[in-house]
Amino acid sequence: MIKKLKPKSEFTKNVITLMTGSMIAQAIPIALSPILTRIYTPEDFGVFALYMSVASIFSTFATGRYELAIMLPRKDGDASNLLYLSLFITVCITVISFFIILFFNHKIVMLLESPFLLDWLYIIPLSVLFTGLYQSFNYWNNRKKQYVELSVSRVAQSVTTGTTNLGMGWNTFGASGLIIGALVGQIVGVLVLGRTIFKNKNQLLGKYHYIRMLALMKKYKKFPFLNLPNALIDSFRMSGINMLIAKYFSTATLGQFSLAWKMVQVPIVLIGGALGQVFFQKVSSVKKSELYEIIINYIIKASLISAPIFSLIFFFSVDIFSFVFGENWKLAGEAASVMAPWLFINFVSSPLVSVMLVLNKQEWVLIFSFFYTSVPLGLLVLLKNTSFLDVLQTITWAMSIMLLLFSLVIIFYVKKERAKRCIS
């Protein structure tokens, strides 16, 4: 009985630790948002969303997705070599992104129809660098169960971003203040996690081996060949949605949508991020035959936790947004209400993708991501002459159905693994 209770207790403790850090990290921008929405305009938020859309596409390549593999080896020596591999790839991608921006800056600006970004695109390589560093350090700390350090890094990043945005907003920097705040926050988050890792070199076993790195690169080649395209498609989905909203509606509408998305994402990041990280660590360390029970228990718990939150968003977000952020942001509240069912299902199902990584079924994730990206972009193009909220409503139901179907596919595979155990 004791052996059965102990893992559950440890799992709960780890989730609470991450949730505490995430709660504080999310509370800061939430507390500042009513001020920021009064010193920044919807157009400012829209321009910032366009910048982040471009940055996220480049950042997807940052580590070649090898940071995900850090969780998988049984030996820390192999995991440390994968960490070094991720860092090396990050530096290479940073240099490549610099030359792409250098030669194609004007074409990107013309495509986005946002002249304001002409100079700011040059700092995208820095965003790529610090995104890759943060992702690599994040998964190493997750592997080592350094959940306190992960929480501290999130809080430090949030404090830095929020205070920078606030200070530059009061000085009327406009969208520039939002961009600089995001970059400074990234840098601080990396410094916190990096200090945690490298202050104890024994944690990394103190060395790396080029030959072993090449062997591990080959062993986990599905991550760049299958998971990277999947991540790129995911990044292009949100970036494409942002760009098409700005193109077919307006930059101000994009600003409204980006605020709605950010606020509705709070429970996903706050609770779902913590659950997801601990869930990934758990499913990557147990036998495949045990995955079914873990997944079913997770789905039940995640649904019970999130249902009241998203119900509140669905019924009351319009009044909440208008009161907290001002009457100018009523459309954001309407968008949040419309998206609530989609993001509720996304909250419950998104961590399940890590199960497909453990089962080495990345090809299914890639196929799903292709359709999951094509559908909303296609609907935005096809329905561009209808109202924004009607388009968003159609996208919500389409995405919800796809998430439910993919979750059933994952359950099917883990059920097969359990059946193999029974037969053997």
Protein backbone atom coordinates (compact mmCIF):
# COMPACT_ATOMS: atom_id res chain seq x y z
CA MET A 1 0.00 0.00 0.00
CA ILE A 2 2.83 2.42 0.87
CA LYS A 3 4.56 1.81 -2.43
CA LYS A 4 1.39 2.61 -4.32
CA LEU A 5 0.77 5.86 -2.46
CA LYS A 6 4.28 7.25 -2.62
CA PRO A 7 4.47 7.93 -6.39
CA LYS A 8 1.08 9.65 -6.26
CA SER A 9 2.28 11.83 -3.39
CA GLU A 10 5.45 12.76 -5.26
CA PHE A 11 3.49 13.47 -8.45
CA THR A 12 1.12 15.76 -6.54
CA LYS A 13 4.00 17.53 -4.80
CA ASN A 14 5.78 18.19 -8.10
CA VAL A 15 2.61 19.48 -9.74
CA ILE A 16 1.96 21.81 -6.78
CA THR A 17 5.53 23.13 -6.94
CA LEU A 18 5.26 23.95 -10.64
CA MET A 19 1.75 25.30 -10.25
CA THR A 20 2.88 27.64 -7.48
CA GLY A 21 5.59 29.12 -9.68
CA SER A 22 3.25 29.27 -12.66
CA MET A 23 0.54 30.86 -10.53
CA ILE A 24 2.84 33.66 -9.40
CA ALA A 25 4.27 34.03 -12.93
CA GLN A 26 0.78 34.32 -14.41
CA ALA A 27 -0.59 36.52 -11.63
CA ILE A 28 1.88 39.28 -12.49
CA PRO A 29 0.83 39.88 -16.15
CA ILE A 30 -2.82 39.39 -15.16
CA ALA A 31 -2.46 42.06 -12.48
CA LEU A 32 -0.71 44.38 -14.93
CA SER A 33 -3.03 43.72 -17.88
CA PRO A 34 -5.73 46.25 -16.84
CA ILE A 35 -3.00 48.90 -16.82
CA LEU A 36 -1.30 47.71 -20.01
CA THR A 37 -4.58 47.69 -21.96
CA ARG A 38 -5.02 51.34 -21.03
CA ILE A 39 -1.51 52.48 -21.97
CA TYR A 40 -1.19 50.28 -25.07
CA THR A 41 -3.75 50.29 -27.88
CA PRO A 42 -5.28 47.24 -29.63
CA GLU A 43 -3.08 48.18 -32.61
CA ASP A 44 0.04 47.97 -30.39
CA PHE A 45 -0.95 44.49 -29.26
CA GLY A 46 -1.66 43.55 -32.87
CA VAL A 47 1.80 44.66 -34.05
CA PHE A 48 3.39 42.78 -31.15
CA ALA A 49 1.42 39.66 -32.12
CA LEU A 50 2.77 39.93 -35.68
CA TYR A 51 6.34 40.22 -34.38
CA MET A 52 5.91 37.18 -32.14
CA SER A 53 4.40 35.27 -35.05
CA VAL A 54 7.57 35.71 -37.09
CA ALA A 55 9.83 35.04 -34.09
CA SER A 56 7.99 31.83 -33.20
CA ILE A 57 8.45 30.39 -36.69
CA PHE A 58 12.22 30.93 -36.54
CA SER A 59 12.42 29.75 -32.92
CA THR A 60 10.77 26.44 -33.81
CA PHE A 61 14.05 25.37 -35.43
CA ALA A 62 16.15 26.50 -32.45
CA THR A 63 17.08 23.09 -31.00
CA GLY A 64 16.09 20.72 -33.79
CA ARG A 65 13.60 19.43 -31.18
CA TYR A 66 16.38 17.41 -29.55
CA GLU A 67 15.54 19.08 -26.22
CA LEU A 68 12.54 16.72 -26.00
CA ALA A 69 14.88 13.73 -26.17
CA ILE A 70 16.71 14.89 -23.03
CA MET A 71 13.94 13.27 -20.97
CA LEU A 72 14.26 9.82 -22.53
CA PRO A 73 17.73 8.22 -21.95
CA ARG A 74 18.15 6.17 -18.79
CA LYS A 75 21.74 7.40 -18.35
CA ASP A 76 22.43 11.01 -17.39
CA GLY A 77 25.55 10.90 -19.54
CA ASP A 78 23.47 10.44 -22.68
CA ALA A 79 21.03 13.11 -21.56
CA SER A 80 23.84 15.61 -20.97
CA ASN A 81 25.19 14.95 -24.47
CA LEU A 82 21.74 15.63 -25.85
CA LEU A 83 21.69 18.89 -23.91
CA TYR A 84 24.99 19.94 -25.46
CA LEU A 85 23.69 18.88 -28.88
CA SER A 86 20.60 21.07 -28.43
CA LEU A 87 22.77 24.04 -27.43
CA PHE A 88 25.06 23.57 -30.44
CA ILE A 89 22.09 23.46 -32.82
CA THR A 90 20.66 26.58 -31.17
CA VAL A 91 23.82 28.56 -31.94
CA CYS A 92 23.78 27.37 -35.57
CA ILE A 93 20.12 28.27 -36.08
CA THR A 94 20.69 31.69 -34.50
CA VAL A 95 23.40 32.48 -37.06
CA ILE A 96 21.25 31.21 -39.95
CA SER A 97 18.25 33.27 -38.81
CA PHE A 98 20.44 36.39 -38.66
CA PHE A 99 21.39 36.07 -42.33
CA ILE A 100 17.81 35.32 -43.37
CA ILE A 101 16.58 38.48 -41.64
CA LEU A 102 19.50 40.44 -43.05
CA PHE A 103 18.68 39.55 -46.66
CA PHE A 104 14.87 39.22 -46.55
CA ASN A 105 13.82 41.81 -43.97
CA HIS A 106 12.01 44.08 -46.46
CA LYS A 107 10.15 41.18 -48.10
CA ILE A 108 8.91 39.94 -44.71
CA VAL A 109 7.71 43.42 -43.79
CA MET A 110 5.89 43.76 -47.14
CA LEU A 111 4.23 40.36 -46.58
CA LEU A 112 3.04 41.39 -43.11
CA GLU A 113 2.04 44.88 -44.31
CA SER A 114 3.55 46.30 -41.11
CA PRO A 115 6.35 48.87 -41.81
CA PHE A 116 6.79 49.37 -38.05
CA LEU A 117 8.57 45.99 -37.83
CA LEU A 118 11.28 46.94 -40.35
CA ASP A 119 13.95 47.55 -37.68
CA TRP A 120 12.62 45.24 -34.97
CA LEU A 121 12.93 42.09 -37.06
CA TYR A 122 16.71 42.33 -36.60
CA ILE A 123 16.42 41.24 -32.95
CA ILE A 124 14.61 38.02 -33.90
CA PRO A 125 17.93 36.06 -33.89
CA LEU A 126 18.29 37.01 -30.21
CA SER A 127 14.79 35.65 -29.55
CA VAL A 128 15.79 32.45 -31.34
CA LEU A 129 18.96 32.12 -29.25
CA PHE A 130 17.29 32.60 -25.88
CA THR A 131 14.30 30.45 -26.82
CA GLY A 132 16.61 27.55 -27.67
CA LEU A 133 18.64 28.01 -24.50
CA TYR A 134 15.54 28.18 -22.32
CA GLN A 135 13.95 25.08 -23.88
CA SER A 136 17.14 23.05 -23.47
CA PHE A 137 17.70 24.12 -19.86
CA ASN A 138 14.01 23.62 -19.09
CA TYR A 139 13.97 19.96 -20.11
CA TRP A 140 17.24 19.21 -18.32
CA ASN A 141 15.84 20.65 -15.11
CA ASN A 142 12.63 18.70 -15.67
CA ARG A 143 14.64 15.50 -16.05
CA LYS A 144 16.49 16.23 -12.82
CA LYS A 145 13.18 17.10 -11.09
CA GLN A 146 14.41 20.60 -10.33
CA TYR A 147 10.85 21.89 -10.15
CA VAL A 148 11.65 24.72 -7.73
CA GLU A 149 14.22 26.11 -10.17
CA LEU A 150 11.72 25.85 -13.02
CA SER A 151 9.19 27.79 -10.97
CA VAL A 152 11.71 30.49 -10.03
CA SER A 153 12.70 30.97 -13.68
CA ARG A 154 9.08 31.46 -14.71
CA VAL A 155 8.48 34.01 -11.98
CA ALA A 156 11.69 35.90 -12.81
CA GLN A 157 10.79 35.99 -16.50
CA SER A 158 7.27 37.19 -15.77
CA VAL A 159 8.40 39.93 -13.36
CA THR A 160 10.98 41.23 -15.81
CA THR A 161 8.63 41.20 -18.80
CA GLY A 162 5.80 42.86 -16.89
CA THR A 163 7.85 45.64 -15.31
CA THR A 164 9.63 46.39 -18.60
CA ASN A 165 6.32 46.55 -20.48
CA LEU A 166 4.86 48.82 -17.81
CA GLY A 167 7.83 51.17 -17.68
CA MET A 168 8.11 51.52 -21.45
CA GLY A 169 4.35 51.85 -21.80
CA TRP A 170 4.27 54.85 -19.45
CA ASN A 171 7.00 56.38 -21.62
CA THR A 172 4.82 55.87 -24.72
CA PHE A 173 7.11 53.43 -26.52
CA GLY A 174 4.06 51.74 -28.07
CA ALA A 175 4.53 48.26 -29.54
CA SER A 176 8.30 48.63 -29.03
CA GLY A 177 7.77 48.36 -25.27
CA LEU A 178 5.96 45.04 -25.66
CA ILE A 179 8.69 43.63 -27.91
CA ILE A 180 11.57 44.73 -25.66
CA GLY A 181 9.78 43.44 -22.56
CA ALA A 182 9.36 39.98 -24.09
CA LEU A 183 13.07 39.79 -25.04
CA VAL A 184 14.36 40.98 -21.67
CA GLY A 185 12.10 38.47 -19.93
CA GLN A 186 13.52 35.65 -22.07
CA ILE A 187 17.07 36.63 -21.17
CA VAL A 188 16.35 36.65 -17.43
CA GLY A 189 14.60 33.26 -17.60
CA VAL A 190 17.62 31.74 -19.34
CA LEU A 191 20.07 33.22 -16.84
CA VAL A 192 18.13 31.76 -13.90
CA LEU A 193 17.96 28.23 -15.36
CA GLY A 194 21.52 28.37 -16.72
CA ARG A 195 22.92 29.36 -13.34
CA THR A 196 21.09 26.43 -11.73
CA ILE A 197 22.64 23.96 -14.17
CA PHE A 198 26.21 25.17 -14.50
CA LYS A 199 26.84 26.06 -10.87
CA ASN A 200 27.01 22.29 -10.34
CA LYS A 201 29.03 20.88 -13.22
CA ASN A 202 28.77 17.37 -11.81
CA GLN A 203 25.08 17.53 -12.66
CA LEU A 204 26.13 17.47 -16.32
CA LEU A 205 28.85 14.91 -15.64
CA GLY A 206 31.30 17.67 -16.57
CA LYS A 207 31.95 16.72 -20.21
CA TYR A 208 30.59 15.84 -23.59
CA HIS A 209 31.69 13.54 -26.42
CA TYR A 210 31.31 14.41 -30.08
CA ILE A 211 31.06 10.77 -31.17
CA ARG A 212 28.40 10.04 -28.57
CA MET A 213 26.52 13.19 -29.60
CA LEU A 214 26.49 11.99 -33.21
CA ALA A 215 25.29 8.55 -32.13
CA LEU A 216 22.47 10.08 -30.10
CA MET A 217 21.61 12.42 -32.95
CA LYS A 218 21.09 9.37 -35.14
CA LYS A 219 19.24 7.42 -32.46
CA TYR A 220 16.71 10.19 -31.90
CA LYS A 221 16.53 11.32 -35.52
CA LYS A 222 12.73 11.13 -35.49
CA PHE A 223 12.65 14.32 -33.43
CA PRO A 224 14.07 16.58 -36.17
CA PHE A 225 12.56 14.60 -39.03
CA LEU A 226 9.06 14.12 -37.61
CA ASN A 227 8.65 16.21 -34.46
CA LEU A 228 10.31 19.32 -35.92
CA PRO A 229 7.93 19.50 -38.90
CA ASN A 230 5.11 18.94 -36.42
CA ALA A 231 6.33 21.82 -34.23
CA LEU A 232 6.81 24.01 -37.30
CA ILE A 233 3.26 23.30 -38.40
CA ASP A 234 2.00 24.13 -34.90
CA SER A 235 3.94 27.39 -34.92
CA PHE A 236 2.72 28.25 -38.40
CA ARG A 237 -0.86 27.62 -37.25
CA MET A 238 -0.90 30.42 -34.67
CA SER A 239 1.36 32.66 -36.75
CA GLY A 240 -0.83 32.09 -39.80
CA ILE A 241 -4.00 32.76 -37.83
CA ASN A 242 -2.53 36.04 -36.56
CA MET A 243 -1.38 37.12 -40.01
CA LEU A 244 -4.70 36.28 -41.69
CA ILE A 245 -6.73 38.07 -38.99
CA ALA A 246 -4.60 41.19 -39.53
CA LYS A 247 -4.94 40.84 -43.32
CA TYR A 248 -8.68 40.13 -43.64
CA PHE A 249 -9.96 42.09 -40.64
CA SER A 250 -7.51 44.59 -39.05
CA THR A 251 -4.46 44.93 -36.82
CA ALA A 252 -6.78 46.19 -34.06
CA THR A 253 -8.91 43.03 -34.40
CA LEU A 254 -5.73 40.99 -34.10
CA GLY A 255 -4.90 42.93 -30.93
CA GLN A 256 -8.33 42.04 -29.51
CA PHE A 257 -7.86 38.38 -30.45
CA SER A 258 -4.33 38.25 -29.03
CA LEU A 259 -5.52 39.58 -25.66
CA ALA A 260 -8.39 37.08 -25.60
CA TRP A 261 -6.02 34.25 -26.50
CA LYS A 262 -3.51 35.33 -23.87
CA MET A 263 -6.10 35.54 -21.10
CA VAL A 264 -7.86 32.27 -21.96
CA GLN A 265 -4.46 30.59 -22.10
CA VAL A 266 -3.86 31.49 -18.44
CA PRO A 267 -5.40 28.28 -16.99
CA ILE A 268 -3.69 26.25 -19.71
CA VAL A 269 -0.28 27.69 -18.85
CA LEU A 270 -0.90 27.90 -15.12
CA ILE A 271 -2.30 24.45 -14.45
CA GLY A 272 -1.87 22.60 -17.75
CA GLY A 273 1.82 23.49 -18.05
CA ALA A 274 2.60 22.05 -14.64
CA LEU A 275 0.45 18.97 -15.21
CA GLY A 276 1.97 18.47 -18.65
CA GLN A 277 5.59 18.62 -17.53
CA VAL A 278 5.08 16.22 -14.63
CA PHE A 279 2.88 14.01 -16.82
CA PHE A 280 5.64 13.80 -19.46
CA GLN A 281 8.23 12.94 -16.82
CA LYS A 282 5.94 10.22 -15.46
CA VAL A 283 4.96 8.56 -18.75
CA SER A 284 8.57 8.59 -19.95
CA SER A 285 9.71 6.65 -16.87
CA VAL A 286 7.10 3.86 -16.63
CA LYS A 287 6.48 0.71 -18.65
CA LYS A 288 4.39 1.17 -21.77
CA SER A 289 1.88 -1.31 -20.47
CA GLU A 290 1.13 1.07 -17.57
CA LEU A 291 0.30 4.07 -19.75
CA TYR A 292 -3.42 3.37 -20.15
CA GLU A 293 -4.25 3.71 -16.45
CA ILE A 294 -2.09 6.84 -16.14
CA ILE A 295 -3.79 8.51 -19.11
CA ILE A 296 -7.34 7.73 -18.01
CA ASN A 297 -6.65 9.04 -14.50
CA TYR A 298 -5.06 12.16 -15.96
CA ILE A 299 -8.02 12.88 -18.28
CA ILE A 300 -10.49 12.58 -15.41
CA LYS A 301 -8.46 14.83 -13.10
CA ALA A 302 -7.72 17.43 -15.79
CA SER A 303 -11.40 17.59 -16.80
CA LEU A 304 -12.61 18.05 -13.23
CA ILE A 305 -10.03 20.77 -12.58
CA SER A 306 -10.62 22.76 -15.76
CA ALA A 307 -14.37 22.46 -16.38
CA PRO A 308 -15.38 25.15 -13.82
CA ILE A 309 -12.70 27.54 -15.12
CA PHE A 310 -13.70 27.34 -18.77
CA SER A 311 -17.40 27.45 -17.86
CA LEU A 312 -16.74 30.78 -16.14
CA ILE A 313 -14.95 32.03 -19.27
CA PHE A 314 -17.77 30.84 -21.53
CA PHE A 315 -20.57 32.55 -19.62
CA PHE A 316 -18.99 35.67 -18.14
CA SER A 317 -15.90 36.68 -20.18
CA VAL A 318 -17.63 39.55 -22.00
CA ASP A 319 -18.54 41.29 -18.74
CA ILE A 320 -15.17 40.46 -17.18
CA PHE A 321 -13.13 41.81 -20.11
CA SER A 322 -15.19 45.00 -20.37
CA PHE A 323 -14.87 45.71 -16.65
CA VAL A 324 -11.20 44.74 -16.16
CA PHE A 325 -9.63 45.93 -19.42
CA GLY A 326 -12.05 48.66 -20.46
CA GLU A 327 -14.95 48.96 -22.89
CA ASN A 328 -12.53 49.11 -25.81
CA TRP A 329 -11.78 45.41 -25.24
CA LYS A 330 -15.34 44.04 -25.39
CA LEU A 331 -14.56 42.16 -28.63
CA ALA A 332 -11.73 40.35 -26.80
CA GLY A 333 -14.24 39.12 -24.20
CA GLU A 334 -16.59 37.90 -26.92
CA ALA A 335 -13.71 36.06 -28.61
CA ALA A 336 -12.71 34.43 -25.31
CA SER A 337 -16.26 33.18 -24.77
CA VAL A 338 -16.41 31.71 -28.26
CA MET A 339 -13.06 29.90 -27.88
CA ALA A 340 -13.74 28.44 -24.40
CA PRO A 341 -14.98 24.96 -25.56
CA TRP A 342 -12.01 24.54 -27.91
CA LEU A 343 -9.45 25.52 -25.28
CA PHE A 344 -11.08 23.36 -22.62
CA ILE A 345 -10.61 20.28 -24.79
CA ASN A 346 -7.12 21.47 -25.70
CA PHE A 347 -6.28 21.81 -21.99
CA VAL A 348 -7.21 18.20 -21.33
CA SER A 349 -5.73 16.65 -24.47
CA SER A 350 -2.51 18.55 -25.22
CA PRO A 351 -0.24 16.71 -22.71
CA LEU A 352 -1.30 13.40 -24.28
CA VAL A 353 0.91 14.18 -27.26
CA SER A 354 3.93 13.29 -25.09
CA VAL A 355 2.59 9.71 -24.96
CA MET A 356 3.06 9.45 -28.73
CA LEU A 357 6.68 10.54 -28.26
CA VAL A 358 7.20 7.79 -25.69
CA LEU A 359 5.58 5.25 -28.02
CA ASN A 360 7.75 6.52 -30.90
CA LYS A 361 4.65 7.38 -32.96
CA GLN A 362 5.63 10.91 -33.98
CA GLU A 363 4.33 10.30 -37.49
CA TRP A 364 0.76 10.33 -36.17
CA VAL A 365 1.39 13.62 -34.40
CA LEU A 366 2.73 15.06 -37.65
CA ILE A 367 -0.33 13.95 -39.65
CA PHE A 368 -2.69 15.37 -37.03
CA SER A 369 -0.78 18.67 -36.87
CA PHE A 370 -1.09 19.10 -40.63
CA PHE A 371 -4.88 18.94 -40.51
CA TYR A 372 -5.04 20.87 -37.22
CA THR A 373 -3.23 23.74 -38.95
CA SER A 374 -4.84 23.54 -42.39
CA VAL A 375 -8.42 23.69 -41.10
CA PRO A 376 -8.36 27.06 -39.24
CA LEU A 377 -6.26 28.75 -41.93
CA GLY A 378 -8.55 27.41 -44.63
CA LEU A 379 -11.65 28.56 -42.76
CA LEU A 380 -10.22 32.06 -42.31
CA VAL A 381 -9.64 32.32 -46.06
CA LEU A 382 -12.99 30.80 -47.06
CA LEU A 383 -15.05 32.81 -44.55
CA LYS A 384 -13.12 36.09 -44.78
CA ASN A 385 -16.23 37.99 -45.86
CA THR A 386 -18.24 36.98 -42.77
CA SER A 387 -17.98 38.49 -39.29
CA PHE A 388 -14.89 37.76 -37.22
CA LEU A 389 -16.83 36.10 -34.40
CA ASP A 390 -18.72 33.82 -36.81
CA VAL A 391 -15.41 32.66 -38.29
CA LEU A 392 -13.99 32.09 -34.81
CA GLN A 393 -17.07 30.08 -33.81
CA THR A 394 -16.69 27.77 -36.82
CA ILE A 395 -12.98 27.31 -36.10
CA THR A 396 -13.72 26.47 -32.46
CA TRP A 397 -16.06 23.59 -33.23
CA ALA A 398 -13.83 22.22 -35.99
CA MET A 399 -10.75 22.22 -33.74
CA SER A 400 -12.68 20.67 -30.83
CA ILE A 401 -13.82 17.73 -32.94
CA MET A 402 -10.28 17.11 -34.23
CA LEU A 403 -8.82 17.14 -30.71
CA LEU A 404 -11.39 14.61 -29.51
CA LEU A 405 -10.66 12.27 -32.41
CA PHE A 406 -6.89 12.47 -31.87
CA SER A 407 -7.30 11.75 -28.15
CA LEU A 408 -9.21 8.59 -29.06
CA VAL A 409 -6.33 7.52 -31.32
CA ILE A 410 -3.86 7.93 -28.44
CA ILE A 411 -6.09 5.92 -26.08
CA PHE A 412 -6.35 3.21 -28.75
CA TYR A 413 -2.56 2.84 -28.93
CA VAL A 414 -1.98 2.71 -25.17
CA LYS A 415 -4.81 0.20 -24.85
CA LYS A 416 -2.97 -2.01 -27.34
CA GLU A 417 0.15 -1.80 -25.17
CA ARG A 418 -1.86 -2.90 -22.14
CA ALA A 419 -3.32 -5.81 -24.14
CA LYS A 420 0.20 -6.95 -25.02
CA ARG A 421 1.01 -7.14 -21.30
CA CYS A 422 -2.08 -9.27 -20.64
CA ILE A 423 -1.20 -11.67 -23.47
CA SER A 424 2.39 -12.03 -22.33
